[in-house]
Structure formats: C-alpha cells, structure tokens
Amino acid sequence: MNNYTAIVNLTADVEDLTLGERDVKKLRVADNTFGKNSETRFFDVIVSSGPDIEVASRLAKGDQIVVTGTLVAGSYKAKKNSKYAKKGQTIKTDSMPFGRILQVTKSPTFFNQDESLDTDELDKAEEGSEDAPELGADDQTAEGDDPLEGVV
C-alpha cells in the first residue's frame, strides 16, 4: 500500500455520489509536482467520512486542499478520438478511493461562508460605533442594587 499526501487544486466543483447506501463526495483534483521533469497528475478523491463530506460540500473549483490516502493506478483504452487521446490509445488514470481531507489551504468560498454579516456592520463594530454596547455595561440592574447582596 502506498500512502500519498499532496497539496492539490480542485479542477471541478464537488460532485455528490451514492455508493450503495452511502453518500460520498467526488473531488477532481490536480497535483502539480515541481522539479526538472514536472508533470501535472490529475486524479479523483472520494471522501466518505462525515467531517470530510461537510468540508467537501463547502469547496469549489479552484480551491487548494491537502489530501491523503492510497493512490491507485489504473488505465483504459480510449473508445474514440478526443482532445487528449486517440482511439485505441491507453490512458493512465489515478484515483484515491476513500481519501481524507487534511486541510483547506486556500479557498475564498470556504473561509467566507457567513453571508449574513454585512461588511459595513463589521467595519462599524471595529471602529467602535455608537450602536455597539459598551463592555462591562449591565442594563438589567438598577443603580444601588448589589447583585451579590445576600451571598455568603
């Protein structure tokens, strides 16, 4: 078994799949290796655990993540001419069935999920606007009332 960990980019939006009775997510990713003979490796990552499915559902094309799992090599013969292969040519494929998402490293869609918070409201809160409550203010007790009165 070969355990493979890589920083990859999503090349397509996440797909929902069902394997038997189990819901899974399919991530189409590209691993750009660096070096003298650099080549891009495209492969699919299938995630099936609860936390990984939740993370995957918030990802989009172009996001960068760290994945780990067993990389499985395969191949097939092209049935017709395409942009990438001629009919009868053997195509090498890689896949990572039941991989894991270790980390989301770059994703504007993942990190800015709270659309209900307006940026103007955020700027006012940072500037200390008049609408922001003062820290330590307690509006529920009247002056002269001691909240600890009678506590021994």
Protein backbone atom coordinates (compact mmCIF):
# COMPACT_ATOMS: atom_id res chain seq x y z
CA MET A 1 0.00 0.00 0.00
CA ASN A 2 1.24 3.47 -0.84
CA ASN A 3 0.05 6.33 1.30
CA TYR A 4 0.08 9.54 -0.72
CA THR A 5 -0.25 13.04 0.72
CA ALA A 6 -0.31 16.09 -1.55
CA ILE A 7 -1.33 19.72 -1.81
CA VAL A 8 -3.81 19.73 -4.69
CA ASN A 9 -6.13 22.12 -6.53
CA LEU A 10 -9.76 21.31 -7.31
CA THR A 11 -10.24 21.28 -11.09
CA ALA A 12 -14.03 20.93 -10.95
CA ASP A 13 -16.84 21.52 -8.49
CA VAL A 14 -17.51 18.76 -5.97
CA GLU A 15 -19.89 16.01 -7.14
CA ASP A 16 -22.40 14.14 -4.96
CA LEU A 17 -22.34 10.36 -5.46
CA THR A 18 -24.03 7.39 -3.85
CA LEU A 19 -22.10 4.14 -3.42
CA GLY A 20 -24.56 1.51 -2.32
CA GLU A 21 -26.40 3.13 0.57
CA ARG A 22 -23.59 5.55 1.40
CA ASP A 23 -23.41 9.18 0.25
CA VAL A 24 -19.92 10.28 -0.79
CA LYS A 25 -18.29 13.30 -2.45
CA LYS A 26 -16.04 13.12 -5.51
CA LEU A 27 -13.26 15.69 -5.82
CA ARG A 28 -11.46 16.04 -9.16
CA VAL A 29 -8.00 17.38 -8.31
CA ALA A 30 -4.63 18.21 -9.89
CA ASP A 31 -1.28 17.72 -8.19
CA ASN A 32 1.42 19.94 -9.67
CA THR A 33 4.76 18.32 -8.95
CA PHE A 34 7.76 20.59 -9.10
CA GLY A 35 11.21 19.79 -10.42
CA LYS A 36 13.12 19.18 -13.61
CA ASN A 37 10.60 16.72 -15.06
CA SER A 38 7.49 18.33 -13.59
CA GLU A 39 4.15 17.00 -14.72
CA THR A 40 0.61 17.51 -13.53
CA ARG A 41 -1.18 14.47 -12.14
CA PHE A 42 -4.99 14.53 -12.28
CA PHE A 43 -6.96 12.15 -10.08
CA ASP A 44 -10.26 11.73 -8.26
CA VAL A 45 -10.55 11.70 -4.48
CA ILE A 46 -13.62 10.04 -2.97
CA VAL A 47 -14.38 11.17 0.59
CA SER A 48 -16.90 9.32 2.72
CA SER A 49 -16.43 10.25 6.38
CA GLY A 50 -18.82 12.76 7.96
CA PRO A 51 -16.34 15.59 8.61
CA ASP A 52 -14.76 15.22 5.16
CA ILE A 53 -18.17 15.34 3.47
CA GLU A 54 -19.05 18.54 5.36
CA VAL A 55 -15.77 20.17 4.34
CA ALA A 56 -16.10 18.97 0.73
CA SER A 57 -19.62 20.40 0.43
CA ARG A 58 -18.19 23.89 1.09
CA LEU A 59 -15.42 23.64 -1.54
CA ALA A 60 -15.49 24.87 -5.14
CA LYS A 61 -13.38 24.69 -8.27
CA GLY A 62 -10.01 26.40 -7.79
CA ASP A 63 -9.72 25.75 -4.04
CA GLN A 64 -6.48 24.33 -2.70
CA ILE A 65 -6.52 21.50 -0.15
CA VAL A 66 -4.27 18.86 1.36
CA VAL A 67 -5.43 15.27 0.81
CA THR A 68 -4.09 11.90 1.91
CA GLY A 69 -4.96 8.33 1.04
CA THR A 70 -3.96 5.34 -1.04
CA LEU A 71 -3.28 6.28 -4.65
CA VAL A 72 -4.47 3.59 -7.07
CA ALA A 73 -3.15 3.48 -10.64
CA GLY A 74 -5.35 2.27 -13.47
CA SER A 75 -5.73 2.52 -17.22
CA TYR A 76 -8.29 2.19 -20.01
CA LYS A 77 -8.33 2.26 -23.81
CA ALA A 78 -9.88 5.30 -25.47
CA LYS A 79 -13.02 4.34 -27.43
CA LYS A 80 -12.99 7.42 -29.67
CA ASN A 81 -10.74 10.32 -30.58
CA SER A 82 -10.75 13.17 -28.11
CA LYS A 83 -8.77 16.26 -27.32
CA TYR A 84 -6.44 14.26 -25.08
CA ALA A 85 -6.23 10.80 -26.71
CA LYS A 86 -6.66 8.92 -29.97
CA LYS A 87 -8.94 5.92 -30.41
CA GLY A 88 -7.30 2.77 -29.02
CA GLN A 89 -4.68 4.68 -27.03
CA THR A 90 -4.13 3.51 -23.45
CA ILE A 91 -4.91 6.22 -20.93
CA LYS A 92 -3.30 6.02 -17.47
CA THR A 93 -5.54 7.08 -14.60
CA ASP A 94 -5.04 7.58 -10.90
CA SER A 95 -7.65 7.65 -8.16
CA MET A 96 -7.75 7.91 -4.40
CA PRO A 97 -10.76 5.97 -3.19
CA PHE A 98 -11.79 6.95 0.31
CA GLY A 99 -9.19 9.66 0.77
CA ARG A 100 -9.16 12.20 3.59
CA ILE A 101 -9.06 15.99 3.51
CA LEU A 102 -6.36 17.07 5.93
CA GLN A 103 -6.53 20.82 5.47
CA VAL A 104 -8.06 23.57 3.38
CA THR A 105 -5.18 25.87 2.46
CA LYS A 106 -6.72 28.38 0.04
CA SER A 107 -10.42 28.87 -0.54
CA PRO A 108 -12.27 32.18 -0.58
CA THR A 109 -15.60 30.35 -0.68
CA PHE A 110 -14.76 28.12 2.30
CA PHE A 111 -13.50 30.85 4.63
CA ASN A 112 -16.20 33.47 3.82
CA GLN A 113 -19.32 31.38 4.44
CA ASP A 114 -21.13 33.86 6.70
CA GLU A 115 -23.04 35.99 4.18
CA SER A 116 -25.41 37.34 6.83
CA LEU A 117 -22.69 39.59 8.28
CA ASP A 118 -22.54 42.76 6.25
CA THR A 119 -19.06 44.24 5.75
CA ASP A 120 -20.34 47.72 6.70
CA GLU A 121 -21.56 46.33 10.03
CA LEU A 122 -18.19 44.69 10.58
CA ASP A 123 -16.36 47.97 9.89
CA LYS A 124 -18.61 49.85 12.35
CA ALA A 125 -18.03 47.26 15.05
CA GLU A 126 -14.27 47.51 14.58
CA GLU A 127 -14.37 51.33 14.75
CA GLY A 128 -16.43 51.33 17.93
CA SER A 129 -19.63 52.79 16.54
CA GLU A 130 -22.29 54.37 18.71
CA ASP A 131 -24.58 51.36 18.29
CA ALA A 132 -22.07 48.96 19.80
CA PRO A 133 -22.68 48.22 23.50
CA GLU A 134 -20.00 49.24 25.96
CA LEU A 135 -18.11 46.44 27.56
CA GLY A 136 -18.98 45.90 31.21
CA ALA A 137 -22.31 47.73 30.98
CA ASP A 138 -25.14 45.95 32.77
CA ASP A 139 -28.56 47.29 31.82
CA GLN A 140 -30.50 44.80 33.95
CA THR A 141 -29.52 46.05 37.40
CA ALA A 142 -30.61 49.42 38.72
CA GLU A 143 -28.17 51.73 40.46
CA GLY A 144 -27.71 50.83 44.09
CA ASP A 145 -28.76 47.19 43.57
CA ASP A 146 -25.95 44.86 44.52
CA PRO A 147 -26.20 41.63 42.52
CA LEU A 148 -24.17 39.80 45.17
CA GLU A 149 -26.27 41.01 48.10
CA GLY A 150 -27.05 38.18 50.48
CA VAL A 151 -24.38 35.86 49.08
CA VAL A 152 -22.18 34.47 51.85
